[in-house]
């Protein structure tokens, strides 16, 4: 039997040999961010190779637990691609490991085997441990080439792996969590695509007992992987009681159609329905993004005005319904329910959560991983970014309370059963557009609401989002929740002065994570005031950044 030293040497040689098939883009520095690595697809070969190496190390470090690798660029244009790692419970990669991903991605190819070996020593990985990885990709044309690169890295390092082919990002997160909880008391479900559909359909049927969905729902799938997967889900849903869903923008044959003039990001940023939309007045519509982890709803009212129901709206809808069920079940005093938002959440939604729903709300730094961590501090943590990416988490304590409470009446029994079914319907690992869509449909059906009534819960404050090109974005530093500039000195005081000049004025500036740009958000009681506040703040930022504001 070969010694451990011989095995290490063999793997080192295999890494070096495999790495030499690729060419590193000249002068390009890579950084693992909130969305993993994301860029033009033709720059990604060496990055994917590095991620394959790291995925194996991560699994070994965690004694052979399954790690996920998702190849996707989400809502980005078709010519882009990206890659991100998924941790054992289906959550984002642990923060400390983002640094290791960056280190490996920037290692020269001729010495990447040495960097890999040093990294294994530095993070004290037992190289005798097994390594297991599952991976999938979205429908981009570059995906199959990048899967080949990933395969090469995993094969060189003798990692056991399963290729799940085409999947939505949330489906892969689901698979990872299922694989790692199989046979334990925390078993999450059957680790297969069909298992995912069955779990959603079964829980949907349970929570919809005695309730009917009114009308149909038109879903724009961004011409991405969500289209074929939604069609598969519909087949299983039909067998379980059904939901009238019309699927549009599901062209996965033409690669250039992906995210083009459609999808959740288009609808949210353009504040309009996709040009392909044929929806009538008051028709319920929703859009997914390219990898189906974001969801927004919208409709056209009687005056032919476009009305958006974004992540803030989904968060308030979910929080109000879960709060209502907890009260009906007699357990609201035992459950600590909180709503987590980012600074980009509309101020009117935060006021509604605090003053009408009477629930605690807090801001975190922008990025789903920050919201997810904050949500886990509550028994029930509801979090959504305004862009439609989010979910609901239930703590172990919440699950025990829901499961172990003895109902004192039929109404209480039904509420407890509905809550339990919701914990199965919601993909607690990550924001999941298909799961979130079913959640919204359930709540609207239970409340007997149309989208118009949902919109009527509160009135959004007019807001703007502008960008200022600066010479060096690193000088703009913010507080932990992004709302206060701590540097350059004195700039926040000037912004505060302007905010006081406008009715319900609120504005903040934060540097982009990827380009020399500072984004400025502003809201106020009227559209004109929001625009004027934004002009004032972008002017201040432009002077501080010694560049002209682009309004």
Protein backbone atom coordinates (compact mmCIF):
# COMPACT_ATOMS: atom_id res chain seq x y z
CA UNK A 1 0.00 0.00 0.00
CA UNK A 2 1.35 3.44 -0.93
CA UNK A 3 2.49 5.70 1.92
CA UNK A 4 0.70 8.98 2.60
CA UNK A 5 3.78 10.84 1.34
CA UNK A 6 3.65 8.93 -1.95
CA UNK A 7 -0.08 9.67 -2.33
CA UNK A 8 0.57 13.38 -1.68
CA UNK A 9 3.34 13.44 -4.28
CA UNK A 10 1.12 11.63 -6.80
CA UNK A 11 -1.69 14.21 -6.31
CA UNK A 12 0.76 17.10 -6.55
CA UNK A 13 2.05 15.77 -9.88
CA UNK A 14 -1.52 15.22 -11.14
CA UNK A 15 -2.49 18.83 -10.22
CA UNK A 16 0.57 20.26 -12.02
CA UNK A 17 -0.10 18.18 -15.13
CA UNK A 18 -3.84 19.04 -15.24
CA UNK A 19 -3.20 22.77 -14.63
CA UNK A 20 -0.90 23.02 -17.65
CA UNK A 21 -3.87 22.48 -20.01
CA UNK A 22 -5.05 26.02 -19.19
CA UNK A 23 -3.77 29.57 -19.66
CA UNK A 24 -4.17 32.25 -17.04
CA UNK A 25 -5.60 35.61 -18.30
CA UNK A 26 -2.77 38.16 -18.17
CA UNK A 27 -2.93 40.85 -15.49
CA UNK A 28 -6.28 39.65 -14.14
CA UNK A 29 -6.76 39.58 -10.35
CA UNK A 30 -9.61 37.41 -9.08
CA UNK A 31 -11.61 37.88 -5.89
CA UNK A 32 -14.22 35.58 -4.35
CA UNK A 33 -17.17 37.80 -3.40
CA UNK A 34 -20.80 37.43 -2.31
CA UNK A 35 -21.65 35.83 -5.66
CA UNK A 36 -18.47 33.73 -5.73
CA UNK A 37 -16.40 34.40 -8.87
CA UNK A 38 -18.30 35.99 -11.76
CA UNK A 39 -16.99 37.43 -15.03
CA UNK A 40 -16.78 36.89 -18.81
CA UNK A 41 -16.92 33.12 -19.33
CA UNK A 42 -13.71 32.95 -21.39
CA UNK A 43 -11.68 34.15 -18.38
CA UNK A 44 -12.89 31.44 -16.03
CA UNK A 45 -10.95 28.24 -16.81
CA UNK A 46 -8.19 28.68 -14.23
CA UNK A 47 -10.66 30.01 -11.63
CA UNK A 48 -12.88 26.92 -11.99
CA UNK A 49 -9.80 24.70 -11.68
CA UNK A 50 -8.85 26.46 -8.43
CA UNK A 51 -12.41 26.13 -7.08
CA UNK A 52 -12.32 22.39 -7.84
CA UNK A 53 -9.14 22.08 -5.78
CA UNK A 54 -10.64 24.07 -2.91
CA UNK A 55 -13.93 22.11 -2.90
CA UNK A 56 -11.98 18.90 -2.26
CA UNK A 57 -9.96 20.53 0.53
CA UNK A 58 -13.14 21.91 2.13
CA UNK A 59 -14.72 18.45 2.14
CA UNK A 60 -11.58 16.85 3.61
CA UNK A 61 -11.43 19.55 6.30
CA UNK A 62 -15.04 18.67 7.21
CA UNK A 63 -14.29 14.92 7.39
CA UNK A 64 -15.78 14.05 4.01
CA UNK A 65 -19.04 15.97 4.15
CA UNK A 66 -20.49 16.80 0.72
CA UNK A 67 -19.60 20.24 -0.71
CA UNK A 68 -21.45 21.81 -3.64
CA UNK A 69 -20.09 23.67 -6.66
CA UNK A 70 -22.57 25.69 -8.75
CA UNK A 71 -21.52 27.04 -12.15
CA UNK A 72 -23.75 30.04 -12.90
CA UNK A 73 -23.73 33.80 -13.41
CA UNK A 74 -27.33 34.18 -12.23
CA UNK A 75 -28.88 37.36 -13.70
CA UNK A 76 -25.77 38.38 -15.65
CA UNK A 77 -25.70 38.46 -19.49
CA UNK A 78 -25.37 35.17 -21.41
CA UNK A 79 -21.65 35.67 -22.21
CA UNK A 80 -20.76 35.73 -18.48
CA UNK A 81 -20.42 32.80 -16.14
CA UNK A 82 -19.38 32.21 -12.57
CA UNK A 83 -18.86 29.68 -9.82
CA UNK A 84 -19.66 29.46 -6.14
CA UNK A 85 -19.18 26.91 -3.38
CA UNK A 86 -21.94 25.52 -1.17
CA UNK A 87 -21.29 24.45 2.43
CA UNK A 88 -22.71 21.25 4.03
CA UNK A 89 -26.03 22.63 5.27
CA UNK A 90 -26.71 24.25 1.91
CA UNK A 91 -25.44 27.63 3.05
CA UNK A 92 -22.90 29.97 1.44
CA UNK A 93 -19.19 29.17 1.80
CA UNK A 94 -17.77 30.07 5.24
CA UNK A 95 -16.29 33.59 5.12
CA UNK A 96 -12.72 32.60 6.07
CA UNK A 97 -12.59 30.23 3.09
CA UNK A 98 -13.36 33.03 0.62
CA UNK A 99 -9.78 34.19 1.25
CA UNK A 100 -8.45 30.71 0.40
CA UNK A 101 -10.52 30.66 -2.80
CA UNK A 102 -9.03 34.03 -3.80
CA UNK A 103 -5.51 32.79 -2.98
CA UNK A 104 -5.81 29.63 -5.11
CA UNK A 105 -7.49 31.47 -8.01
CA UNK A 106 -4.57 33.91 -8.21
CA UNK A 107 -1.82 31.29 -7.85
CA UNK A 108 0.47 30.96 -10.91
CA UNK A 109 -0.36 27.72 -12.76
CA UNK A 110 3.23 26.47 -12.62
CA UNK A 111 3.14 26.61 -8.79
CA UNK A 112 -0.55 25.94 -8.05
CA UNK A 113 0.24 22.43 -6.76
CA UNK A 114 2.64 23.93 -4.18
CA UNK A 115 0.09 26.60 -3.18
CA UNK A 116 -2.52 23.81 -2.76
CA UNK A 117 -0.12 21.83 -0.56
CA UNK A 118 0.78 24.88 1.57
CA UNK A 119 -2.90 25.76 1.97
CA UNK A 120 -3.71 22.22 3.13
CA UNK A 121 -0.99 22.58 5.80
CA UNK A 122 -2.06 26.10 6.79
CA UNK A 123 -5.69 25.10 7.40
CA UNK A 124 -4.64 21.77 8.94
CA UNK A 125 -6.48 19.48 6.55
CA UNK A 126 -6.13 15.76 7.20
CA UNK A 127 -5.31 14.65 3.66
CA UNK A 128 -6.23 11.08 4.58
CA UNK A 129 -9.90 12.13 4.87
CA UNK A 130 -12.28 11.39 1.99
CA UNK A 131 -13.50 14.27 -0.23
CA UNK A 132 -16.98 14.43 -1.78
CA UNK A 133 -18.37 17.06 -4.13
CA UNK A 134 -21.66 17.53 -6.00
CA UNK A 135 -21.98 20.07 -8.79
CA UNK A 136 -24.43 21.46 -11.33
CA UNK A 137 -24.71 24.31 -13.83
CA UNK A 138 -27.23 26.63 -15.42
CA UNK A 139 -28.02 26.65 -19.16
CA UNK A 140 -25.20 28.91 -20.40
CA UNK A 141 -23.31 27.73 -23.49
CA UNK A 142 -19.99 27.97 -21.61
CA UNK A 143 -21.19 25.62 -18.88
CA UNK A 144 -20.13 22.30 -20.40
CA UNK A 145 -16.55 23.54 -20.99
CA UNK A 146 -16.30 24.77 -17.40
CA UNK A 147 -17.68 21.49 -16.07
CA UNK A 148 -14.82 19.79 -17.95
CA UNK A 149 -12.31 22.00 -16.11
CA UNK A 150 -13.94 21.28 -12.74
CA UNK A 151 -13.88 17.57 -13.55
CA UNK A 152 -10.13 17.78 -14.26
CA UNK A 153 -9.40 19.41 -10.87
CA UNK A 154 -11.55 16.92 -8.94
CA UNK A 155 -10.06 13.94 -10.79
CA UNK A 156 -6.48 15.16 -10.17
CA UNK A 157 -7.16 15.38 -6.43
CA UNK A 158 -9.03 12.02 -6.33
CA UNK A 159 -12.32 13.53 -5.13
CA UNK A 160 -15.53 11.50 -5.27
CA UNK A 161 -18.05 13.57 -7.23
CA UNK A 162 -21.55 13.56 -8.71
CA UNK A 163 -22.54 15.73 -11.69
CA UNK A 164 -26.21 16.76 -11.42
CA UNK A 165 -26.09 18.38 -14.90
CA UNK A 166 -28.58 21.28 -15.25
CA UNK A 167 -30.10 22.59 -12.01
CA UNK A 168 -31.29 25.81 -10.46
CA UNK A 169 -28.86 27.14 -7.85
CA UNK A 170 -31.35 26.47 -4.99
CA UNK A 171 -31.82 22.86 -6.17
CA UNK A 172 -28.07 22.26 -5.77
CA UNK A 173 -28.14 23.86 -2.29
CA UNK A 174 -31.05 21.53 -1.46
CA UNK A 175 -29.11 18.47 -2.72
CA UNK A 176 -26.04 19.36 -0.61
CA UNK A 177 -28.12 19.72 2.56
CA UNK A 178 -30.00 16.46 1.85
CA UNK A 179 -26.78 14.52 1.23
CA UNK A 180 -25.28 15.68 4.52
CA UNK A 181 -28.38 15.08 6.67
CA UNK A 182 -29.41 11.71 5.20
CA UNK A 183 -30.05 9.20 7.99
CA UNK A 184 -29.81 11.84 10.76
CA UNK A 185 -32.55 13.41 12.92
CA UNK A 186 -32.21 16.53 10.73
CA UNK A 187 -32.94 14.70 7.46
CA UNK A 188 -33.94 17.38 4.96
CA UNK A 189 -35.30 15.33 2.08
CA UNK A 190 -34.48 12.93 -0.73
CA UNK A 191 -31.21 14.10 -2.39
CA UNK A 192 -32.51 14.10 -5.96
CA UNK A 193 -34.23 16.51 -8.30
CA UNK A 194 -37.43 14.48 -8.08
CA UNK A 195 -37.14 14.51 -4.27
CA UNK A 196 -37.04 18.32 -4.41
CA UNK A 197 -40.26 18.48 -6.47
CA UNK A 198 -42.03 15.90 -4.28
CA UNK A 199 -41.14 17.77 -1.09
CA UNK A 200 -42.47 21.08 -2.43
CA UNK A 201 -45.65 19.53 -3.86
CA UNK A 202 -46.45 17.51 -0.73
CA UNK A 203 -46.02 20.47 1.63
CA UNK A 204 -47.94 22.78 -0.76
CA UNK A 205 -50.88 20.34 -0.75
CA UNK A 206 -50.84 20.16 3.09
CA UNK A 207 -50.83 23.90 3.66
CA UNK A 208 -53.49 24.45 0.96
CA UNK A 209 -55.96 22.04 2.54
CA UNK A 210 -59.43 23.58 2.24
CA UNK A 211 -58.13 26.64 0.36
CA UNK A 212 -58.31 27.41 -3.37
CA UNK A 213 -55.94 29.55 -5.45
CA UNK A 214 -57.86 32.21 -7.37
CA UNK A 215 -56.97 32.79 -11.03
CA UNK A 216 -53.72 31.94 -12.78
CA UNK A 217 -50.10 32.99 -12.38
CA UNK A 218 -47.86 33.92 -15.34
CA UNK A 219 -44.18 33.19 -14.65
CA UNK A 220 -41.33 34.74 -16.68
CA UNK A 221 -38.38 32.34 -16.37
CA UNK A 222 -35.67 34.69 -17.78
CA UNK A 223 -35.00 32.10 -20.54
CA UNK A 224 -32.92 30.28 -17.93
CA UNK A 225 -32.76 26.97 -16.13
CA UNK A 226 -35.85 27.87 -14.06
CA UNK A 227 -38.06 27.32 -17.13
CA UNK A 228 -37.62 23.56 -17.63
CA UNK A 229 -37.44 23.03 -13.86
CA UNK A 230 -40.70 24.91 -13.28
CA UNK A 231 -42.36 22.74 -15.93
CA UNK A 232 -41.16 19.62 -14.05
CA UNK A 233 -42.48 21.05 -10.77
CA UNK A 234 -45.87 21.77 -12.40
CA UNK A 235 -46.19 18.08 -13.38
CA UNK A 236 -45.77 17.01 -9.75
CA UNK A 237 -47.96 19.86 -8.47
CA UNK A 238 -50.75 18.84 -10.85
CA UNK A 239 -50.68 15.37 -9.34
CA UNK A 240 -50.88 16.96 -5.87
CA UNK A 241 -53.76 19.36 -6.48
CA UNK A 242 -52.34 21.84 -8.93
CA UNK A 243 -51.83 25.50 -9.53
CA UNK A 244 -52.65 27.23 -12.80
CA UNK A 245 -49.23 28.46 -13.98
CA UNK A 246 -48.49 29.89 -17.42
CA UNK A 247 -44.78 29.61 -18.21
CA UNK A 248 -43.25 32.31 -20.46
CA UNK A 249 -39.67 33.18 -21.45
CA UNK A 250 -38.39 29.62 -21.15
CA UNK A 251 -36.23 29.51 -24.30
CA UNK A 252 -33.12 27.59 -23.24
CA UNK A 253 -32.14 26.66 -26.81
CA UNK A 254 -31.04 30.14 -27.91
CA UNK A 255 -28.14 31.03 -25.54
CA UNK A 256 -28.39 34.78 -26.21
CA UNK A 257 -31.97 34.89 -24.90
CA UNK A 258 -30.86 34.32 -21.28
CA UNK A 259 -31.81 37.32 -19.10
CA UNK A 260 -32.31 39.46 -22.23
CA UNK A 261 -35.18 41.92 -21.69
CA UNK A 262 -36.73 39.59 -19.12
CA UNK A 263 -36.20 38.10 -15.67
CA UNK A 264 -36.35 39.38 -12.10
CA UNK A 265 -33.37 41.73 -12.42
CA UNK A 266 -34.80 43.37 -15.56
CA UNK A 267 -38.23 43.85 -13.92
CA UNK A 268 -36.75 45.24 -10.68
CA UNK A 269 -34.23 47.63 -12.23
CA UNK A 270 -36.34 48.80 -15.19
CA UNK A 271 -39.54 48.95 -13.11
CA UNK A 272 -41.54 47.46 -15.98
CA UNK A 273 -42.86 44.12 -17.21
CA UNK A 274 -40.79 42.24 -19.81
CA UNK A 275 -41.66 43.46 -23.36
CA UNK A 276 -42.79 39.89 -24.11
CA UNK A 277 -45.44 40.08 -21.34
CA UNK A 278 -49.00 39.63 -22.58
CA UNK A 279 -50.55 39.89 -19.11
CA UNK A 280 -53.88 41.64 -18.79
CA UNK A 281 -55.06 44.18 -16.21
CA UNK A 282 -54.72 42.86 -12.61
CA UNK A 283 -53.21 39.54 -13.83
CA UNK A 284 -50.81 38.02 -11.30
CA UNK A 285 -47.27 37.84 -12.75
CA UNK A 286 -43.87 36.80 -11.43
CA UNK A 287 -40.30 36.77 -12.75
CA UNK A 288 -37.38 34.50 -11.83
CA UNK A 289 -33.75 35.29 -12.57
CA UNK A 290 -31.35 33.19 -14.68
CA UNK A 291 -30.57 30.59 -11.99
CA UNK A 292 -33.96 30.84 -10.22
CA UNK A 293 -32.86 32.10 -6.81
CA UNK A 294 -34.65 35.48 -7.11
CA UNK A 295 -38.35 36.19 -7.41
CA UNK A 296 -40.41 39.35 -7.87
CA UNK A 297 -44.16 39.73 -8.47
CA UNK A 298 -45.96 42.47 -10.40
CA UNK A 299 -49.20 43.42 -12.13
CA UNK A 300 -50.71 46.18 -14.25
CA UNK A 301 -53.51 48.12 -12.50
CA UNK A 302 -56.75 49.56 -13.95
CA UNK A 303 -54.93 52.73 -15.05
CA UNK A 304 -52.43 50.57 -17.00
CA UNK A 305 -49.72 51.45 -14.46
CA UNK A 306 -47.01 48.87 -13.71
CA UNK A 307 -46.95 47.81 -10.02
CA UNK A 308 -43.96 45.96 -8.56
CA UNK A 309 -44.14 43.59 -5.58
CA UNK A 310 -40.46 43.05 -4.76
CA UNK A 311 -38.45 41.31 -2.04
CA UNK A 312 -39.59 43.80 0.61
CA UNK A 313 -43.21 42.94 -0.22
CA UNK A 314 -42.54 39.20 -0.09
CA UNK A 315 -40.81 39.60 3.30
CA UNK A 316 -43.73 41.54 4.80
CA UNK A 317 -46.26 39.07 3.34
CA UNK A 318 -44.38 36.06 4.74
CA UNK A 319 -43.79 37.67 8.16
CA UNK A 320 -47.45 38.68 8.54
CA UNK A 321 -48.72 35.19 7.62
CA UNK A 322 -46.27 33.32 9.85
CA UNK A 323 -47.08 35.72 12.71
CA UNK A 324 -50.81 35.14 12.14
CA UNK A 325 -50.41 31.34 12.15
CA UNK A 326 -48.24 31.45 15.29
CA UNK A 327 -50.91 33.51 17.05
CA UNK A 328 -53.69 31.15 15.88
CA UNK A 329 -51.59 28.19 17.06
CA UNK A 330 -51.17 29.80 20.49
CA UNK A 331 -47.36 29.86 20.28
CA UNK A 332 -46.63 33.48 19.30
CA UNK A 333 -45.32 34.29 22.80
CA UNK A 334 -42.83 31.42 22.57
CA UNK A 335 -41.47 32.30 19.12
CA UNK A 336 -39.02 35.12 18.48
CA UNK A 337 -39.90 36.22 14.90
CA UNK A 338 -37.69 38.83 13.21
CA UNK A 339 -37.35 40.41 9.77
CA UNK A 340 -33.89 41.14 8.36
CA UNK A 341 -33.41 43.71 5.60
CA UNK A 342 -30.62 45.64 3.94
CA UNK A 343 -30.32 49.41 3.71
CA UNK A 344 -31.84 49.16 0.20
CA UNK A 345 -35.19 48.07 1.70
CA UNK A 346 -37.84 50.74 1.24
CA UNK A 347 -38.37 52.73 4.46
CA UNK A 348 -42.15 52.23 4.20
CA UNK A 349 -41.69 48.44 4.45
CA UNK A 350 -39.55 48.80 7.60
CA UNK A 351 -42.18 51.10 9.16
CA UNK A 352 -44.92 48.58 8.30
CA UNK A 353 -42.98 45.70 9.93
CA UNK A 354 -42.35 47.72 13.10
CA UNK A 355 -45.64 49.60 13.47
CA UNK A 356 -48.25 47.29 11.94
CA UNK A 357 -46.82 43.78 12.22
CA UNK A 358 -45.14 44.73 15.53
CA UNK A 359 -42.09 42.64 14.72
CA UNK A 360 -38.42 43.47 15.27
CA UNK A 361 -36.49 44.43 12.13
CA UNK A 362 -32.78 44.95 11.60
CA UNK A 363 -30.47 46.00 8.80
CA UNK A 364 -27.37 44.06 7.79
CA UNK A 365 -24.64 44.66 5.27
CA UNK A 366 -25.71 44.03 1.65
CA UNK A 367 -25.27 40.39 0.58
CA UNK A 368 -27.44 37.36 1.27
CA UNK A 369 -24.87 35.67 3.51
CA UNK A 370 -25.09 38.59 5.97
CA UNK A 371 -28.90 38.42 6.07
CA UNK A 372 -28.84 34.63 6.47
CA UNK A 373 -26.49 34.79 9.48
CA UNK A 374 -28.67 37.44 11.14
CA UNK A 375 -31.85 35.41 10.44
CA UNK A 376 -30.39 32.43 12.30
CA UNK A 377 -30.39 34.47 15.54
CA UNK A 378 -34.21 34.32 15.59
CA UNK A 379 -36.56 31.38 16.09
CA UNK A 380 -38.12 32.45 12.80
CA UNK A 381 -35.94 34.70 10.64
CA UNK A 382 -37.53 36.24 7.55
CA UNK A 383 -35.06 37.83 5.14
CA UNK A 384 -35.32 39.16 1.60
CA UNK A 385 -33.24 41.62 -0.34
CA UNK A 386 -35.32 44.11 -2.32
CA UNK A 387 -34.13 42.30 -5.50
CA UNK A 388 -36.24 39.27 -4.52
CA UNK A 389 -33.54 37.00 -3.09
CA UNK A 390 -34.45 35.58 0.30
CA UNK A 391 -36.07 32.91 2.45
CA UNK A 392 -37.30 32.08 5.96
CA UNK A 393 -35.29 30.11 8.54
CA UNK A 394 -36.75 28.13 11.46
CA UNK A 395 -34.52 27.34 14.44
CA UNK A 396 -34.35 23.97 16.17
CA UNK A 397 -36.26 25.56 19.06
CA UNK A 398 -39.02 26.76 16.70
CA UNK A 399 -39.32 23.29 15.17
CA UNK A 400 -39.64 21.71 18.64
CA UNK A 401 -42.35 24.20 19.67
CA UNK A 402 -44.34 23.66 16.45
CA UNK A 403 -44.03 19.87 16.62
CA UNK A 404 -44.61 19.41 20.38
CA UNK A 405 -47.47 21.85 21.07
CA UNK A 406 -50.67 19.95 21.88
CA UNK A 407 -53.57 21.63 20.04
CA UNK A 408 -56.53 22.67 22.20
CA UNK A 409 -58.96 23.18 19.31
CA UNK A 410 -59.42 22.22 15.63
CA UNK A 411 -58.38 25.77 14.59
CA UNK A 412 -55.17 25.50 16.63
CA UNK A 413 -54.47 22.06 15.16
CA UNK A 414 -54.88 23.40 11.62
CA UNK A 415 -52.57 26.37 12.35
CA UNK A 416 -49.86 24.08 13.76
CA UNK A 417 -50.14 21.73 10.76
CA UNK A 418 -49.94 24.70 8.38
CA UNK A 419 -46.83 26.03 10.13
CA UNK A 420 -45.18 22.61 9.97
CA UNK A 421 -46.02 22.32 6.25
CA UNK A 422 -44.53 25.80 5.67
CA UNK A 423 -41.21 24.68 7.20
CA UNK A 424 -41.13 21.97 4.49
CA UNK A 425 -42.34 24.22 1.67
CA UNK A 426 -39.70 26.89 2.32
CA UNK A 427 -36.15 26.12 1.15
CA UNK A 428 -34.41 27.10 4.39
CA UNK A 429 -30.94 26.61 2.92
CA UNK A 430 -31.10 29.52 0.48
CA UNK A 431 -33.35 31.91 -1.42
CA UNK A 432 -35.31 29.78 -3.90
CA UNK A 433 -37.58 31.40 -6.49
CA UNK A 434 -39.73 28.27 -7.05
CA UNK A 435 -40.21 27.61 -3.33
CA UNK A 436 -40.81 31.33 -2.62
CA UNK A 437 -43.34 31.46 -5.46
CA UNK A 438 -45.36 28.63 -3.88
CA UNK A 439 -45.12 30.40 -0.50
CA UNK A 440 -46.56 33.62 -1.98
CA UNK A 441 -49.35 31.67 -3.73
CA UNK A 442 -50.24 29.92 -0.46
CA UNK A 443 -50.45 33.19 1.49
CA UNK A 444 -52.47 35.07 -1.14
CA UNK A 445 -54.90 32.12 -1.32
CA UNK A 446 -55.28 31.94 2.48
CA UNK A 447 -55.86 35.70 2.71
CA UNK A 448 -58.10 35.74 -0.38
CA UNK A 449 -55.99 38.60 -1.74
CA UNK A 450 -55.34 39.78 -5.28
CA UNK A 451 -51.97 41.45 -6.02
CA UNK A 452 -53.77 44.80 -5.69
CA UNK A 453 -54.76 44.05 -2.08
CA UNK A 454 -51.23 42.89 -1.34
CA UNK A 455 -49.89 46.18 -2.73
CA UNK A 456 -52.38 48.07 -0.54
CA UNK A 457 -50.70 47.00 2.74
CA UNK A 458 -48.43 50.07 2.59
CA UNK A 459 -47.27 52.69 0.07
CA UNK A 460 -43.63 52.62 -1.00
CA UNK A 461 -41.66 55.82 -0.63
CA UNK A 462 -40.33 57.05 -4.02
CA UNK A 463 -36.66 56.09 -4.30
CA UNK A 464 -33.68 56.40 -6.64
CA UNK A 465 -30.45 54.45 -7.06
CA UNK A 466 -27.58 56.29 -8.77
CA UNK A 467 -23.89 55.67 -9.29
CA UNK A 468 -20.86 57.94 -8.98
CA UNK A 469 -17.60 57.00 -10.73
CA UNK A 470 -14.67 57.60 -8.34
CA UNK A 471 -10.90 57.27 -8.65
CA UNK A 472 -10.53 54.99 -5.60
CA UNK A 473 -13.57 53.30 -4.09
CA UNK A 474 -11.54 51.97 -1.14
CA UNK A 475 -11.65 55.38 0.59
CA UNK A 476 -15.43 54.98 1.03
CA UNK A 477 -15.93 52.86 4.15
CA UNK A 478 -19.26 52.17 5.87
CA UNK A 479 -20.74 50.89 9.12
CA UNK A 480 -21.69 47.20 9.42
CA UNK A 481 -25.16 47.82 8.00
CA UNK A 482 -23.98 50.02 5.08
CA UNK A 483 -26.08 53.00 6.25
CA UNK A 484 -23.32 55.26 7.63
CA UNK A 485 -20.11 56.37 5.90
CA UNK A 486 -17.22 56.19 8.37
CA UNK A 487 -14.76 57.47 5.73
CA UNK A 488 -14.02 60.00 4.19
CA UNK A 489 -14.25 61.91 7.46
CA UNK A 490 -17.09 64.42 7.69
CA UNK A 491 -18.94 63.24 4.57
CA UNK A 492 -21.68 61.48 6.54
CA UNK A 493 -22.40 64.67 8.50
CA UNK A 494 -22.98 66.54 5.23
CA UNK A 495 -25.29 63.76 3.96
CA UNK A 496 -27.23 63.91 7.26
CA UNK A 497 -27.74 67.66 6.81
CA UNK A 498 -29.27 67.13 3.37
CA UNK A 499 -31.52 64.30 4.61
CA UNK A 500 -33.09 66.66 7.16
CA UNK A 501 -34.11 69.04 4.36
CA UNK A 502 -36.54 66.53 2.82
CA UNK A 503 -39.76 65.02 4.16
CA UNK A 504 -38.97 61.36 5.10
CA UNK A 505 -35.57 61.83 3.49
CA UNK A 506 -33.14 58.93 3.77
CA UNK A 507 -29.96 58.40 1.77
CA UNK A 508 -26.76 56.40 2.01
CA UNK A 509 -23.68 55.81 -0.13
CA UNK A 510 -21.67 52.59 -0.40
CA UNK A 511 -18.80 51.52 -2.61
CA UNK A 512 -19.33 48.80 -5.19
CA UNK A 513 -17.55 45.54 -4.46
CA UNK A 514 -16.37 45.11 -8.05
CA UNK A 515 -15.79 48.49 -9.74
CA UNK A 516 -14.65 52.04 -8.88
CA UNK A 517 -18.18 53.24 -8.37
CA UNK A 518 -20.11 54.45 -5.30
CA UNK A 519 -23.83 53.67 -5.32
CA UNK A 520 -26.16 56.29 -3.82
CA UNK A 521 -29.63 55.33 -2.60
CA UNK A 522 -32.16 58.05 -1.77
CA UNK A 523 -35.84 58.04 -0.79
CA UNK A 524 -38.28 60.73 0.29
CA UNK A 525 -42.00 61.50 0.51
CA UNK A 526 -42.25 62.56 -3.17
CA UNK A 527 -40.44 61.54 -6.38
CA UNK A 528 -39.10 65.08 -6.84
CA UNK A 529 -37.68 65.19 -3.31
CA UNK A 530 -36.04 61.76 -3.73
CA UNK A 531 -34.38 62.91 -6.98
CA UNK A 532 -33.20 66.19 -5.42
CA UNK A 533 -31.84 64.41 -2.35
CA UNK A 534 -29.97 61.98 -4.62
CA UNK A 535 -28.52 64.84 -6.68
CA UNK A 536 -27.26 66.50 -3.50
CA UNK A 537 -25.65 63.30 -2.14
CA UNK A 538 -24.12 62.21 -5.49
CA UNK A 539 -22.64 65.71 -5.72
CA UNK A 540 -21.01 65.32 -2.29
CA UNK A 541 -19.70 61.85 -3.14
CA UNK A 542 -18.40 63.10 -6.51
CA UNK A 543 -16.41 65.88 -4.81
CA UNK A 544 -15.07 63.43 -2.19
CA UNK A 545 -14.14 60.93 -4.91
CA UNK A 546 -12.70 63.71 -7.12
CA UNK A 547 -14.77 62.59 -10.09
CA UNK A 548 -17.95 63.72 -11.81
CA UNK A 549 -21.24 62.20 -10.71
CA UNK A 550 -23.12 60.18 -13.34
CA UNK A 551 -26.79 60.76 -12.69
